[in-house]
């Protein structure tokens, strides 16, 4: 098994809603290219633009 993590930064001027919508629209195309090797494809996008905790230990 191989697990890959990507950490992406949104382009300047792109809202969180626009970024999320792009991933949702293109997810199936990305997953289809990896068949039949791909077993699971999970996308986790942060829920809000609240950066008050950014860089601070929890």
PDB file of N, CA and C in Angstrom:
ATOM      1  N   UNK A   1       0.845  -1.178   0.000  1.00  0.00           N
ATOM      2  CA  UNK A   1       0.000   0.000   0.000  1.00  0.00           C
ATOM      3  C   UNK A   1       0.890   1.241   0.000  1.00  0.00           C
ATOM      4  N   UNK A   2       0.474   2.220  -0.725  1.00  0.00           N
ATOM      5  CA  UNK A   2       1.167   3.496  -0.790  1.00  0.00           C
ATOM      6  C   UNK A   2       0.168   4.582  -0.421  1.00  0.00           C
ATOM      7  N   UNK A   3       0.563   5.432   0.510  1.00  0.00           N
ATOM      8  CA  UNK A   3      -0.310   6.528   0.924  1.00  0.00           C
ATOM      9  C   UNK A   3       0.381   7.833   0.553  1.00  0.00           C
ATOM     10  N   UNK A   4      -0.353   8.703  -0.115  1.00  0.00           N
ATOM     11  CA  UNK A   4       0.199   9.976  -0.569  1.00  0.00           C
ATOM     12  C   UNK A   4      -0.615  11.105   0.042  1.00  0.00           C
ATOM     13  N   UNK A   5       0.076  12.094   0.586  1.00  0.00           N
ATOM     14  CA  UNK A   5      -0.583  13.281   1.130  1.00  0.00           C
ATOM     15  C   UNK A   5      -0.142  14.487   0.318  1.00  0.00           C
ATOM     16  N   UNK A   6      -1.090  15.305  -0.065  1.00  0.00           N
ATOM     17  CA  UNK A   6      -0.796  16.554  -0.758  1.00  0.00           C
ATOM     18  C   UNK A   6      -1.265  17.693   0.118  1.00  0.00           C
ATOM     19  N   UNK A   7      -0.460  18.703   0.229  1.00  0.00           N
ATOM     20  CA  UNK A   7      -0.845  19.921   0.919  1.00  0.00           C
ATOM     21  C   UNK A   7      -0.806  21.029  -0.118  1.00  0.00           C
ATOM     22  N   UNK A   8      -1.961  21.580  -0.413  1.00  0.00           N
ATOM     23  CA  UNK A   8      -2.067  22.573  -1.474  1.00  0.00           C
ATOM     24  C   UNK A   8      -2.371  23.943  -0.897  1.00  0.00           C
ATOM     25  N   UNK A   9      -1.872  24.954  -1.542  1.00  0.00           N
ATOM     26  CA  UNK A   9      -2.181  26.325  -1.170  1.00  0.00           C
ATOM     27  C   UNK A   9      -3.052  26.909  -2.273  1.00  0.00           C
ATOM     28  N   UNK A  10      -4.150  27.524  -1.865  1.00  0.00           N
ATOM     29  CA  UNK A  10      -5.035  28.142  -2.860  1.00  0.00           C
ATOM     30  C   UNK A  10      -4.335  29.295  -3.551  1.00  0.00           C
ATOM     31  N   UNK A  11      -4.698  29.497  -4.795  1.00  0.00           N
ATOM     32  CA  UNK A  11      -4.187  30.653  -5.532  1.00  0.00           C
ATOM     33  C   UNK A  11      -4.755  31.924  -4.910  1.00  0.00           C
ATOM     34  N   UNK A  12      -3.979  32.976  -4.939  1.00  0.00           N
ATOM     35  CA  UNK A  12      -4.453  34.251  -4.403  1.00  0.00           C
ATOM     36  C   UNK A  12      -5.712  34.675  -5.141  1.00  0.00           C
ATOM     37  N   UNK A  13      -6.673  35.188  -4.399  1.00  0.00           N
ATOM     38  CA  UNK A  13      -7.920  35.639  -4.993  1.00  0.00           C
ATOM     39  C   UNK A  13      -8.971  34.555  -5.129  1.00  0.00           C
ATOM     40  N   UNK A  14      -8.611  33.315  -4.846  1.00  0.00           N
ATOM     41  CA  UNK A  14      -9.551  32.199  -4.937  1.00  0.00           C
ATOM     42  C   UNK A  14     -10.162  31.966  -3.561  1.00  0.00           C
ATOM     43  N   UNK A  15     -11.476  32.025  -3.471  1.00  0.00           N
ATOM     44  CA  UNK A  15     -12.136  31.821  -2.186  1.00  0.00           C
ATOM     45  C   UNK A  15     -12.132  30.343  -1.824  1.00  0.00           C
ATOM     46  N   UNK A  16     -12.374  30.069  -0.552  1.00  0.00           N
ATOM     47  CA  UNK A  16     -12.447  28.685  -0.104  1.00  0.00           C
ATOM     48  C   UNK A  16     -13.571  27.948  -0.822  1.00  0.00           C
ATOM     49  N   UNK A  17     -14.697  28.619  -1.039  1.00  0.00           N
ATOM     50  CA  UNK A  17     -15.826  28.002  -1.740  1.00  0.00           C
ATOM     51  C   UNK A  17     -15.458  27.665  -3.187  1.00  0.00           C
ATOM     52  N   UNK A  18     -14.747  28.558  -3.866  1.00  0.00           N
ATOM     53  CA  UNK A  18     -14.319  28.301  -5.248  1.00  0.00           C
ATOM     54  C   UNK A  18     -13.323  27.143  -5.311  1.00  0.00           C
ATOM     55  N   UNK A  19     -12.401  27.118  -4.364  1.00  0.00           N
ATOM     56  CA  UNK A  19     -11.411  26.041  -4.299  1.00  0.00           C
ATOM     57  C   UNK A  19     -12.092  24.696  -4.064  1.00  0.00           C
ATOM     58  N   UNK A  20     -13.014  24.654  -3.115  1.00  0.00           N
ATOM     59  CA  UNK A  20     -13.750  23.418  -2.822  1.00  0.00           C
ATOM     60  C   UNK A  20     -14.559  22.962  -4.030  1.00  0.00           C
ATOM     61  N   UNK A  21     -15.209  23.895  -4.696  1.00  0.00           N
ATOM     62  CA  UNK A  21     -16.021  23.558  -5.869  1.00  0.00           C
ATOM     63  C   UNK A  21     -15.153  22.982  -6.983  1.00  0.00           C
ATOM     64  N   UNK A  22     -13.963  23.546  -7.183  1.00  0.00           N
ATOM     65  CA  UNK A  22     -13.071  23.026  -8.224  1.00  0.00           C
ATOM     66  C   UNK A  22     -12.699  21.577  -7.933  1.00  0.00           C
ATOM     67  N   UNK A  23     -12.342  21.289  -6.684  1.00  0.00           N
ATOM     68  CA  UNK A  23     -11.979  19.912  -6.330  1.00  0.00           C
ATOM     69  C   UNK A  23     -13.148  18.968  -6.527  1.00  0.00           C
ATOM     70  N   UNK A  24     -14.330  19.385  -6.108  1.00  0.00           N
ATOM     71  CA  UNK A  24     -15.506  18.521  -6.260  1.00  0.00           C
ATOM     72  C   UNK A  24     -15.804  18.244  -7.734  1.00  0.00           C
ATOM     73  N   UNK A  25     -15.606  19.235  -8.597  1.00  0.00           N
ATOM     74  CA  UNK A  25     -15.869  19.069 -10.027  1.00  0.00           C
ATOM     75  C   UNK A  25     -14.822  18.186 -10.711  1.00  0.00           C
ATOM     76  N   UNK A  26     -13.584  18.223 -10.244  1.00  0.00           N
ATOM     77  CA  UNK A  26     -12.492  17.507 -10.904  1.00  0.00           C
ATOM     78  C   UNK A  26     -12.098  16.211 -10.212  1.00  0.00           C
ATOM     79  N   UNK A  27     -12.664  15.925  -9.070  1.00  0.00           N
ATOM     80  CA  UNK A  27     -12.299  14.735  -8.305  1.00  0.00           C
ATOM     81  C   UNK A  27     -12.474  13.459  -9.110  1.00  0.00           C
ATOM     82  N   UNK A  28     -13.601  13.318  -9.798  1.00  0.00           N
ATOM     83  CA  UNK A  28     -13.849  12.084 -10.543  1.00  0.00           C
ATOM     84  C   UNK A  28     -12.831  11.883 -11.662  1.00  0.00           C
ATOM     85  N   UNK A  29     -12.396  12.970 -12.306  1.00  0.00           N
ATOM     86  CA  UNK A  29     -11.400  12.842 -13.381  1.00  0.00           C
ATOM     87  C   UNK A  29     -10.046  12.397 -12.831  1.00  0.00           C
ATOM     88  N   UNK A  30      -9.677  12.924 -11.685  1.00  0.00           N
ATOM     89  CA  UNK A  30      -8.409  12.546 -11.060  1.00  0.00           C
ATOM     90  C   UNK A  30      -8.454  11.082 -10.649  1.00  0.00           C
ATOM     91  N   UNK A  31      -9.544  10.666 -10.040  1.00  0.00           N
ATOM     92  CA  UNK A  31      -9.679   9.283  -9.572  1.00  0.00           C
ATOM     93  C   UNK A  31      -9.745   8.299 -10.738  1.00  0.00           C
ATOM     94  N   UNK A  32     -10.428   8.645 -11.805  1.00  0.00           N
ATOM     95  CA  UNK A  32     -10.558   7.747 -12.959  1.00  0.00           C
ATOM     96  C   UNK A  32      -9.205   7.436 -13.597  1.00  0.00           C
ATOM     97  N   UNK A  33      -8.303   8.395 -13.592  1.00  0.00           N
ATOM     98  CA  UNK A  33      -6.978   8.186 -14.189  1.00  0.00           C
ATOM     99  C   UNK A  33      -6.152   7.168 -13.408  1.00  0.00           C
ATOM    100  N   UNK A  34      -6.495   6.950 -12.152  1.00  0.00           N
ATOM    101  CA  UNK A  34      -5.713   6.064 -11.296  1.00  0.00           C
ATOM    102  C   UNK A  34      -6.282   4.647 -11.214  1.00  0.00           C
ATOM    103  N   UNK A  35      -7.363   4.385 -11.893  1.00  0.00           N
ATOM    104  CA  UNK A  35      -7.985   3.061 -11.834  1.00  0.00           C
ATOM    105  C   UNK A  35      -7.153   2.050 -12.592  1.00  0.00           C
ATOM    106  N   UNK A  36      -7.083   0.800 -12.241  1.00  0.00           N
ATOM    107  CA  UNK A  36      -7.728   0.131 -11.112  1.00  0.00           C
ATOM    108  C   UNK A  36      -6.877   0.134  -9.839  1.00  0.00           C
ATOM    109  N   UNK A  37      -5.722   0.789  -9.860  1.00  0.00           N
ATOM    110  CA  UNK A  37      -4.844   0.771  -8.699  1.00  0.00           C
ATOM    111  C   UNK A  37      -5.413   1.524  -7.498  1.00  0.00           C
ATOM    112  N   UNK A  38      -6.211   2.523  -7.752  1.00  0.00           N
ATOM    113  CA  UNK A  38      -6.743   3.357  -6.680  1.00  0.00           C
ATOM    114  C   UNK A  38      -7.822   2.614  -5.915  1.00  0.00           C
ATOM    115  N   UNK A  39      -7.628   2.497  -4.617  1.00  0.00           N
ATOM    116  CA  UNK A  39      -8.613   1.830  -3.768  1.00  0.00           C
ATOM    117  C   UNK A  39      -9.518   2.859  -3.105  1.00  0.00           C
ATOM    118  N   UNK A  40      -8.928   3.952  -2.648  1.00  0.00           N
ATOM    119  CA  UNK A  40      -9.717   4.988  -1.981  1.00  0.00           C
ATOM    120  C   UNK A  40      -9.070   6.340  -2.239  1.00  0.00           C
ATOM    121  N   UNK A  41      -9.895   7.350  -2.431  1.00  0.00           N
ATOM    122  CA  UNK A  41      -9.426   8.713  -2.662  1.00  0.00           C
ATOM    123  C   UNK A  41     -10.209   9.606  -1.723  1.00  0.00           C
ATOM    124  N   UNK A  42      -9.520  10.236  -0.788  1.00  0.00           N
ATOM    125  CA  UNK A  42     -10.174  11.064   0.215  1.00  0.00           C
ATOM    126  C   UNK A  42      -9.663  12.488   0.098  1.00  0.00           C
ATOM    127  N   UNK A  43     -10.569  13.448   0.121  1.00  0.00           N
ATOM    128  CA  UNK A  43     -10.206  14.861   0.083  1.00  0.00           C
ATOM    129  C   UNK A  43     -10.723  15.506   1.357  1.00  0.00           C
ATOM    130  N   UNK A  44      -9.830  16.180   2.064  1.00  0.00           N
ATOM    131  CA  UNK A  44     -10.205  16.917   3.269  1.00  0.00           C
ATOM    132  C   UNK A  44      -9.845  18.380   3.056  1.00  0.00           C
ATOM    133  N   UNK A  45     -10.851  19.213   2.981  1.00  0.00           N
ATOM    134  CA  UNK A  45     -10.650  20.647   2.785  1.00  0.00           C
ATOM    135  C   UNK A  45     -11.108  21.341   4.051  1.00  0.00           C
ATOM    136  N   UNK A  46     -10.316  22.297   4.520  1.00  0.00           N
ATOM    137  CA  UNK A  46     -10.682  22.957   5.770  1.00  0.00           C
ATOM    138  C   UNK A  46     -12.060  23.592   5.651  1.00  0.00           C
ATOM    139  N   UNK A  47     -12.740  23.657   6.786  1.00  0.00           N
ATOM    140  CA  UNK A  47     -14.140  24.069   6.796  1.00  0.00           C
ATOM    141  C   UNK A  47     -14.333  25.581   6.693  1.00  0.00           C
ATOM    142  N   UNK A  48     -13.358  26.365   7.131  1.00  0.00           N
ATOM    143  CA  UNK A  48     -13.545  27.813   7.082  1.00  0.00           C
ATOM    144  C   UNK A  48     -12.200  28.499   6.868  1.00  0.00           C
ATOM    145  N   UNK A  49     -12.257  29.784   6.601  1.00  0.00           N
ATOM    146  CA  UNK A  49     -11.045  30.579   6.412  1.00  0.00           C
ATOM    147  C   UNK A  49     -10.548  31.181   7.716  1.00  0.00           C
ATOM    148  N   UNK A  50     -11.015  30.682   8.840  1.00  0.00           N
ATOM    149  CA  UNK A  50     -10.599  31.186  10.144  1.00  0.00           C
ATOM    150  C   UNK A  50      -9.165  30.739  10.410  1.00  0.00           C
ATOM    151  N   UNK A  51      -8.225  31.652  10.291  1.00  0.00           N
ATOM    152  CA  UNK A  51      -6.815  31.320  10.473  1.00  0.00           C
ATOM    153  C   UNK A  51      -6.291  31.743  11.841  1.00  0.00           C
ATOM    154  N   UNK A  52      -7.152  31.873  12.818  1.00  0.00           N
ATOM    155  CA  UNK A  52      -6.700  32.329  14.130  1.00  0.00           C
ATOM    156  C   UNK A  52      -5.753  31.345  14.785  1.00  0.00           C
ATOM    157  N   UNK A  53      -5.840  30.066  14.427  1.00  0.00           N
ATOM    158  CA  UNK A  53      -4.948  29.071  15.012  1.00  0.00           C
ATOM    159  C   UNK A  53      -3.787  28.708  14.097  1.00  0.00           C
ATOM    160  N   UNK A  54      -3.686  29.328  12.968  1.00  0.00           N
ATOM    161  CA  UNK A  54      -2.635  28.972  12.011  1.00  0.00           C
ATOM    162  C   UNK A  54      -1.254  29.148  12.637  1.00  0.00           C
ATOM    163  N   UNK A  55      -0.489  28.076  12.650  1.00  0.00           N
ATOM    164  CA  UNK A  55       0.873  28.131  13.158  1.00  0.00           C
ATOM    165  C   UNK A  55       1.009  28.049  14.657  1.00  0.00           C
ATOM    166  N   UNK A  56      -0.093  27.912  15.379  1.00  0.00           N
ATOM    167  CA  UNK A  56      -0.041  27.823  16.836  1.00  0.00           C
ATOM    168  C   UNK A  56      -0.279  26.384  17.259  1.00  0.00           C
ATOM    169  N   UNK A  57       0.477  25.903  18.251  1.00  0.00           N
ATOM    170  CA  UNK A  57       0.243  24.531  18.727  1.00  0.00           C
ATOM    171  C   UNK A  57      -1.124  24.402  19.368  1.00  0.00           C
ATOM    172  N   UNK A  58      -1.700  23.247  19.221  1.00  0.00           N
ATOM    173  CA  UNK A  58      -3.034  23.001  19.787  1.00  0.00           C
ATOM    174  C   UNK A  58      -2.886  22.204  21.051  1.00  0.00           C
TER     175      UNK A  58
END
